[in-house]
Amino acid sequence: MRAVTFSSAVFAMLALATLADTARAQDGRVYSIDDKDVIQPTAIKKVQPEYDEAARADKIEGIVEVDIVISKTGKPRDVRVRKGLDPRLDGKAVSAAEQWEFDPARLKGLPVDYSAVLQLTFKLIVPHNEKK
């Protein structure tokens, strides 16, 4: 009889611990690289930003950094420019970042929201016949 009581108590403790972990992973917190136990998300679909034609004509190149929250479903949300390059390209970078897809970050096997920074590069490609 005692062994059954002990087993029930251990089972109940494990169930409570599992419920606590589940609640912690789904409590609405946004994790980041600073959280050591979180497995970082992995990009499974990357979308390159389109060049704005006026910015291309002005030969603007560089990197736009965007802050994003990668949701538990792997979809980006709360995308905004952290470090802009040119307003014509900043919007294109945000649009591209919103189309990315991720295998979400995980904490103890459960998907969690994760804050990250994406760097989207705008690089002009000079056609071969225009090179000197």
N, C-alpha and C. Protein backbone atom coordinates (compact mmCIF):
# COMPACT_ATOMS: atom_id res chain seq x y z
N MET A 1 0.83 -1.19 0.00
CA MET A 1 0.00 0.00 0.00
C MET A 1 0.87 1.25 0.00
N ARG A 2 1.96 1.23 0.79
CA ARG A 2 2.84 2.39 0.83
C ARG A 2 3.50 2.64 -0.53
N ALA A 3 3.91 1.60 -1.22
CA ALA A 3 4.55 1.76 -2.53
C ALA A 3 3.60 2.43 -3.51
N VAL A 4 2.33 2.09 -3.47
CA VAL A 4 1.35 2.70 -4.36
C VAL A 4 1.20 4.18 -4.03
N THR A 5 1.16 4.52 -2.75
CA THR A 5 1.05 5.91 -2.33
C THR A 5 2.27 6.70 -2.79
N PHE A 6 3.45 6.11 -2.61
CA PHE A 6 4.68 6.78 -3.02
C PHE A 6 4.69 6.98 -4.53
N SER A 7 4.32 5.94 -5.29
CA SER A 7 4.28 6.05 -6.74
C SER A 7 3.29 7.12 -7.18
N SER A 8 2.14 7.16 -6.54
CA SER A 8 1.15 8.18 -6.88
C SER A 8 1.69 9.57 -6.59
N ALA A 9 2.37 9.71 -5.46
CA ALA A 9 2.93 11.02 -5.09
C ALA A 9 4.01 11.44 -6.09
N VAL A 10 4.86 10.51 -6.49
CA VAL A 10 5.91 10.82 -7.47
C VAL A 10 5.28 11.19 -8.81
N PHE A 11 4.28 10.42 -9.22
CA PHE A 11 3.59 10.72 -10.47
C PHE A 11 2.96 12.11 -10.42
N ALA A 12 2.33 12.44 -9.31
CA ALA A 12 1.69 13.74 -9.16
C ALA A 12 2.72 14.86 -9.22
N MET A 13 3.90 14.66 -8.59
CA MET A 13 4.95 15.67 -8.62
C MET A 13 5.46 15.86 -10.04
N LEU A 14 5.66 14.75 -10.77
CA LEU A 14 6.13 14.85 -12.15
C LEU A 14 5.10 15.55 -13.04
N ALA A 15 3.83 15.24 -12.81
CA ALA A 15 2.77 15.88 -13.59
C ALA A 15 2.74 17.38 -13.31
N LEU A 16 2.90 17.77 -12.05
CA LEU A 16 2.91 19.19 -11.71
C LEU A 16 4.12 19.89 -12.32
N ALA A 17 5.27 19.24 -12.30
CA ALA A 17 6.47 19.82 -12.89
C ALA A 17 6.28 20.00 -14.40
N THR A 18 5.69 19.02 -15.06
CA THR A 18 5.44 19.12 -16.49
C THR A 18 4.45 20.24 -16.79
N LEU A 19 3.40 20.35 -16.00
CA LEU A 19 2.43 21.43 -16.18
C LEU A 19 3.09 22.79 -15.97
N ALA A 20 3.96 22.87 -14.98
CA ALA A 20 4.65 24.14 -14.72
C ALA A 20 5.54 24.51 -15.90
N ASP A 21 6.25 23.53 -16.47
CA ASP A 21 7.10 23.80 -17.64
C ASP A 21 6.25 24.26 -18.81
N THR A 22 5.11 23.61 -19.02
CA THR A 22 4.23 23.99 -20.12
C THR A 22 3.71 25.40 -19.92
N ALA A 23 3.31 25.73 -18.72
CA ALA A 23 2.81 27.07 -18.43
C ALA A 23 3.91 28.11 -18.63
N ARG A 24 5.13 27.79 -18.20
CA ARG A 24 6.24 28.72 -18.33
C ARG A 24 6.54 28.97 -19.81
N ALA A 25 6.48 27.94 -20.63
CA ALA A 25 6.79 28.08 -22.05
C ALA A 25 5.68 28.80 -22.80
N GLN A 26 4.47 28.84 -22.23
CA GLN A 26 3.36 29.45 -22.93
C GLN A 26 2.81 30.65 -22.16
N ASP A 27 3.63 31.27 -21.34
CA ASP A 27 3.17 32.37 -20.49
C ASP A 27 3.17 33.72 -21.19
N GLY A 28 3.46 33.75 -22.47
CA GLY A 28 3.47 35.01 -23.20
C GLY A 28 4.82 35.70 -23.20
N ARG A 29 5.79 35.14 -22.53
CA ARG A 29 7.12 35.72 -22.50
C ARG A 29 7.77 35.60 -23.87
N VAL A 30 8.57 36.60 -24.21
CA VAL A 30 9.35 36.55 -25.44
C VAL A 30 10.80 36.30 -25.03
N TYR A 31 11.33 35.19 -25.48
CA TYR A 31 12.70 34.79 -25.13
C TYR A 31 13.68 35.41 -26.13
N SER A 32 14.98 35.31 -25.79
CA SER A 32 16.01 35.86 -26.67
C SER A 32 17.28 35.04 -26.53
N ILE A 33 18.30 35.49 -27.21
CA ILE A 33 19.59 34.79 -27.18
C ILE A 33 20.18 34.76 -25.76
N ASP A 34 19.74 35.67 -24.90
CA ASP A 34 20.22 35.72 -23.52
C ASP A 34 19.68 34.58 -22.66
N ASP A 35 18.63 33.91 -23.12
CA ASP A 35 18.03 32.81 -22.37
C ASP A 35 18.74 31.52 -22.74
N LYS A 36 19.56 31.02 -21.81
CA LYS A 36 20.48 29.92 -22.08
C LYS A 36 19.81 28.59 -22.41
N ASP A 37 18.65 28.30 -21.87
CA ASP A 37 18.01 27.01 -22.08
C ASP A 37 17.14 26.96 -23.33
N VAL A 38 17.07 28.05 -24.07
CA VAL A 38 16.21 28.11 -25.25
C VAL A 38 17.00 27.70 -26.49
N ILE A 39 16.42 26.80 -27.26
CA ILE A 39 17.01 26.43 -28.55
C ILE A 39 16.54 27.47 -29.56
N GLN A 40 17.48 28.09 -30.22
CA GLN A 40 17.17 29.18 -31.15
C GLN A 40 16.37 28.71 -32.35
N PRO A 41 15.58 29.61 -32.92
CA PRO A 41 14.81 29.24 -34.11
C PRO A 41 15.73 29.07 -35.32
N THR A 42 15.21 28.38 -36.33
CA THR A 42 15.95 28.16 -37.56
C THR A 42 15.09 28.64 -38.73
N ALA A 43 15.68 29.45 -39.59
CA ALA A 43 14.95 29.93 -40.77
C ALA A 43 14.74 28.77 -41.73
N ILE A 44 13.50 28.58 -42.17
CA ILE A 44 13.21 27.53 -43.15
C ILE A 44 12.76 28.13 -44.48
N LYS A 45 12.43 29.42 -44.47
CA LYS A 45 12.11 30.14 -45.71
C LYS A 45 12.60 31.57 -45.55
N LYS A 46 13.53 31.95 -46.44
CA LYS A 46 14.07 33.32 -46.43
C LYS A 46 13.60 34.02 -47.70
N VAL A 47 13.18 35.25 -47.54
CA VAL A 47 12.75 36.06 -48.69
C VAL A 47 13.69 37.25 -48.81
N GLN A 48 14.30 37.38 -49.97
CA GLN A 48 15.19 38.51 -50.22
C GLN A 48 14.35 39.75 -50.51
N PRO A 49 14.77 40.90 -49.98
CA PRO A 49 14.00 42.12 -50.25
C PRO A 49 14.14 42.55 -51.70
N GLU A 50 13.07 43.15 -52.21
CA GLU A 50 13.10 43.71 -53.56
C GLU A 50 13.73 45.10 -53.50
N TYR A 51 14.48 45.42 -54.53
CA TYR A 51 15.09 46.75 -54.61
C TYR A 51 14.05 47.76 -55.06
N ASP A 52 14.00 48.89 -54.44
CA ASP A 52 13.21 50.02 -54.92
C ASP A 52 13.96 50.59 -56.13
N GLU A 53 13.25 50.81 -57.23
CA GLU A 53 13.93 51.26 -58.47
C GLU A 53 14.62 52.61 -58.31
N ALA A 54 14.00 53.53 -57.57
CA ALA A 54 14.64 54.84 -57.37
C ALA A 54 15.91 54.69 -56.53
N ALA A 55 15.87 53.81 -55.53
CA ALA A 55 17.06 53.57 -54.70
C ALA A 55 18.15 52.88 -55.53
N ARG A 56 17.73 52.00 -56.44
CA ARG A 56 18.69 51.35 -57.34
C ARG A 56 19.35 52.41 -58.23
N ALA A 57 18.55 53.31 -58.79
CA ALA A 57 19.09 54.37 -59.66
C ALA A 57 20.04 55.27 -58.89
N ASP A 58 19.76 55.46 -57.60
CA ASP A 58 20.64 56.27 -56.74
C ASP A 58 21.83 55.48 -56.21
N LYS A 59 21.91 54.19 -56.59
CA LYS A 59 23.01 53.29 -56.23
C LYS A 59 23.20 53.16 -54.71
N ILE A 60 22.09 53.02 -54.01
CA ILE A 60 22.13 52.85 -52.56
C ILE A 60 22.30 51.38 -52.23
N GLU A 61 23.33 51.08 -51.44
CA GLU A 61 23.62 49.72 -51.01
C GLU A 61 23.82 49.71 -49.50
N GLY A 62 23.61 48.56 -48.90
CA GLY A 62 23.88 48.43 -47.48
C GLY A 62 22.96 47.43 -46.81
N ILE A 63 22.91 47.53 -45.49
CA ILE A 63 22.16 46.57 -44.68
C ILE A 63 21.08 47.29 -43.89
N VAL A 64 19.89 46.69 -43.86
CA VAL A 64 18.81 47.15 -42.99
C VAL A 64 18.66 46.10 -41.90
N GLU A 65 18.71 46.54 -40.65
CA GLU A 65 18.48 45.63 -39.53
C GLU A 65 17.04 45.78 -39.07
N VAL A 66 16.36 44.64 -38.91
CA VAL A 66 14.98 44.67 -38.43
C VAL A 66 14.85 43.81 -37.18
N ASP A 67 14.11 44.32 -36.21
CA ASP A 67 13.74 43.55 -35.03
C ASP A 67 12.50 42.75 -35.38
N ILE A 68 12.47 41.49 -34.97
CA ILE A 68 11.29 40.68 -35.18
C ILE A 68 11.04 39.82 -33.95
N VAL A 69 9.81 39.42 -33.79
CA VAL A 69 9.47 38.38 -32.82
C VAL A 69 9.03 37.18 -33.65
N ILE A 70 9.72 36.07 -33.46
CA ILE A 70 9.35 34.84 -34.15
C ILE A 70 8.37 34.12 -33.24
N SER A 71 7.14 33.98 -33.71
CA SER A 71 6.08 33.41 -32.87
C SER A 71 6.26 31.91 -32.69
N LYS A 72 5.48 31.36 -31.79
CA LYS A 72 5.50 29.92 -31.52
C LYS A 72 5.16 29.11 -32.77
N THR A 73 4.46 29.73 -33.71
CA THR A 73 4.10 29.04 -34.95
C THR A 73 5.17 29.18 -36.02
N GLY A 74 6.21 29.97 -35.74
CA GLY A 74 7.29 30.17 -36.70
C GLY A 74 7.08 31.34 -37.64
N LYS A 75 6.02 32.09 -37.42
CA LYS A 75 5.74 33.26 -38.26
C LYS A 75 6.27 34.52 -37.59
N PRO A 76 6.88 35.44 -38.36
CA PRO A 76 7.35 36.70 -37.79
C PRO A 76 6.18 37.61 -37.41
N ARG A 77 6.37 38.38 -36.34
CA ARG A 77 5.41 39.41 -35.97
C ARG A 77 6.19 40.56 -35.36
N ASP A 78 5.52 41.69 -35.18
CA ASP A 78 6.15 42.88 -34.60
C ASP A 78 7.45 43.24 -35.30
N VAL A 79 7.42 43.22 -36.63
CA VAL A 79 8.61 43.53 -37.43
C VAL A 79 8.75 45.04 -37.54
N ARG A 80 9.94 45.54 -37.19
CA ARG A 80 10.18 46.98 -37.30
C ARG A 80 11.68 47.24 -37.53
N VAL A 81 11.95 48.37 -38.15
CA VAL A 81 13.33 48.72 -38.48
C VAL A 81 14.09 49.09 -37.22
N ARG A 82 15.23 48.45 -37.04
CA ARG A 82 16.14 48.79 -35.94
C ARG A 82 17.18 49.79 -36.42
N LYS A 83 17.77 49.50 -37.57
CA LYS A 83 18.79 50.38 -38.15
C LYS A 83 18.51 50.47 -39.65
N GLY A 84 18.02 51.63 -40.05
CA GLY A 84 17.64 51.82 -41.43
C GLY A 84 18.79 52.21 -42.33
N LEU A 85 18.51 52.13 -43.62
CA LEU A 85 19.48 52.48 -44.64
C LEU A 85 18.95 53.66 -45.46
N ASP A 86 17.74 53.52 -45.92
CA ASP A 86 17.06 54.54 -46.73
C ASP A 86 15.57 54.20 -46.63
N PRO A 87 14.71 55.18 -46.43
CA PRO A 87 13.28 54.87 -46.26
C PRO A 87 12.70 54.02 -47.39
N ARG A 88 13.20 54.19 -48.59
CA ARG A 88 12.71 53.42 -49.73
C ARG A 88 13.06 51.95 -49.62
N LEU A 89 14.17 51.66 -48.97
CA LEU A 89 14.61 50.27 -48.80
C LEU A 89 14.17 49.68 -47.46
N ASP A 90 14.03 50.53 -46.46
CA ASP A 90 13.60 50.05 -45.14
C ASP A 90 12.26 49.33 -45.22
N GLY A 91 11.31 49.91 -45.92
CA GLY A 91 9.99 49.29 -46.08
C GLY A 91 10.07 47.97 -46.83
N LYS A 92 10.94 47.90 -47.81
CA LYS A 92 11.13 46.66 -48.57
C LYS A 92 11.72 45.57 -47.68
N ALA A 93 12.62 45.97 -46.77
CA ALA A 93 13.22 45.01 -45.84
C ALA A 93 12.16 44.46 -44.88
N VAL A 94 11.31 45.33 -44.37
CA VAL A 94 10.24 44.89 -43.46
C VAL A 94 9.31 43.93 -44.19
N SER A 95 8.93 44.27 -45.41
CA SER A 95 8.03 43.40 -46.19
C SER A 95 8.65 42.02 -46.41
N ALA A 96 9.93 41.98 -46.71
CA ALA A 96 10.61 40.69 -46.91
C ALA A 96 10.66 39.89 -45.61
N ALA A 97 11.02 40.56 -44.51
CA ALA A 97 11.14 39.87 -43.21
C ALA A 97 9.81 39.27 -42.78
N GLU A 98 8.72 39.94 -43.09
CA GLU A 98 7.39 39.45 -42.71
C GLU A 98 7.03 38.15 -43.42
N GLN A 99 7.74 37.83 -44.50
CA GLN A 99 7.45 36.62 -45.27
C GLN A 99 8.34 35.44 -44.89
N TRP A 100 9.34 35.66 -44.04
CA TRP A 100 10.19 34.57 -43.61
C TRP A 100 9.36 33.57 -42.81
N GLU A 101 9.85 32.33 -42.76
CA GLU A 101 9.24 31.29 -41.93
C GLU A 101 10.35 30.59 -41.15
N PHE A 102 10.01 30.17 -39.94
CA PHE A 102 11.00 29.59 -39.05
C PHE A 102 10.48 28.30 -38.41
N ASP A 103 11.42 27.44 -38.07
CA ASP A 103 11.14 26.40 -37.09
C ASP A 103 11.31 27.17 -35.78
N PRO A 104 10.26 27.27 -34.96
CA PRO A 104 10.32 28.18 -33.81
C PRO A 104 11.36 27.79 -32.75
N ALA A 105 11.69 28.76 -31.93
CA ALA A 105 12.56 28.51 -30.77
C ALA A 105 11.83 27.54 -29.85
N ARG A 106 12.59 26.82 -29.05
CA ARG A 106 11.98 25.83 -28.16
C ARG A 106 12.62 25.90 -26.77
N LEU A 107 11.76 25.71 -25.79
CA LEU A 107 12.20 25.61 -24.41
C LEU A 107 11.63 24.31 -23.87
N LYS A 108 12.52 23.40 -23.51
CA LYS A 108 12.12 22.07 -23.02
C LYS A 108 11.17 21.39 -24.00
N GLY A 109 11.48 21.55 -25.29
CA GLY A 109 10.71 20.90 -26.34
C GLY A 109 9.47 21.63 -26.80
N LEU A 110 9.09 22.69 -26.10
CA LEU A 110 7.87 23.42 -26.45
C LEU A 110 8.21 24.70 -27.22
N PRO A 111 7.45 25.02 -28.27
CA PRO A 111 7.72 26.25 -29.01
C PRO A 111 7.43 27.49 -28.17
N VAL A 112 8.30 28.49 -28.32
CA VAL A 112 8.15 29.75 -27.58
C VAL A 112 8.38 30.92 -28.52
N ASP A 113 7.86 32.08 -28.15
CA ASP A 113 8.13 33.32 -28.88
C ASP A 113 9.58 33.72 -28.65
N TYR A 114 10.20 34.30 -29.68
CA TYR A 114 11.64 34.59 -29.61
C TYR A 114 11.93 35.90 -30.33
N SER A 115 12.66 36.77 -29.67
CA SER A 115 13.05 38.06 -30.25
C SER A 115 14.39 37.91 -30.96
N ALA A 116 14.46 38.46 -32.18
CA ALA A 116 15.69 38.34 -32.96
C ALA A 116 15.89 39.58 -33.82
N VAL A 117 17.06 39.67 -34.41
CA VAL A 117 17.38 40.74 -35.34
C VAL A 117 17.78 40.10 -36.66
N LEU A 118 17.16 40.55 -37.73
CA LEU A 118 17.54 40.09 -39.07
C LEU A 118 18.31 41.21 -39.76
N GLN A 119 19.31 40.84 -40.52
CA GLN A 119 20.02 41.80 -41.35
C GLN A 119 19.71 41.47 -42.80
N LEU A 120 19.12 42.42 -43.49
CA LEU A 120 18.76 42.23 -44.89
C LEU A 120 19.64 43.13 -45.73
N THR A 121 20.33 42.53 -46.70
CA THR A 121 21.35 43.22 -47.48
C THR A 121 20.81 43.65 -48.84
N PHE A 122 21.12 44.88 -49.17
CA PHE A 122 20.83 45.42 -50.50
C PHE A 122 22.17 45.63 -51.18
N LYS A 123 22.41 44.87 -52.23
CA LYS A 123 23.69 44.93 -52.95
C LYS A 123 23.40 45.03 -54.44
N LEU A 124 23.93 46.07 -55.05
CA LEU A 124 23.76 46.24 -56.48
C LEU A 124 24.64 45.24 -57.23
N ILE A 125 24.09 44.66 -58.25
CA ILE A 125 24.85 43.74 -59.09
C ILE A 125 25.10 44.44 -60.42
N VAL A 126 26.35 44.60 -60.72
CA VAL A 126 26.73 45.27 -61.95
C VAL A 126 26.77 44.21 -63.06
N PRO A 127 25.99 44.42 -64.13
CA PRO A 127 26.01 43.47 -65.25
C PRO A 127 27.43 43.33 -65.81
N HIS A 128 27.76 42.15 -66.28
CA HIS A 128 29.10 41.84 -66.79
C HIS A 128 29.56 42.82 -67.87
N ASN A 129 28.65 43.23 -68.73
CA ASN A 129 29.03 44.14 -69.83
C ASN A 129 29.29 45.57 -69.36
N GLU A 130 28.95 45.90 -68.09
CA GLU A 130 29.21 47.25 -67.57
C GLU A 130 30.48 47.31 -66.72
N LYS A 131 31.09 46.15 -66.44
CA LYS A 131 32.31 46.13 -65.63
C LYS A 131 33.47 46.69 -66.44
N LYS A 132 34.39 47.35 -65.74
CA LYS A 132 35.55 47.94 -66.42
C LYS A 132 36.75 47.07 -66.24
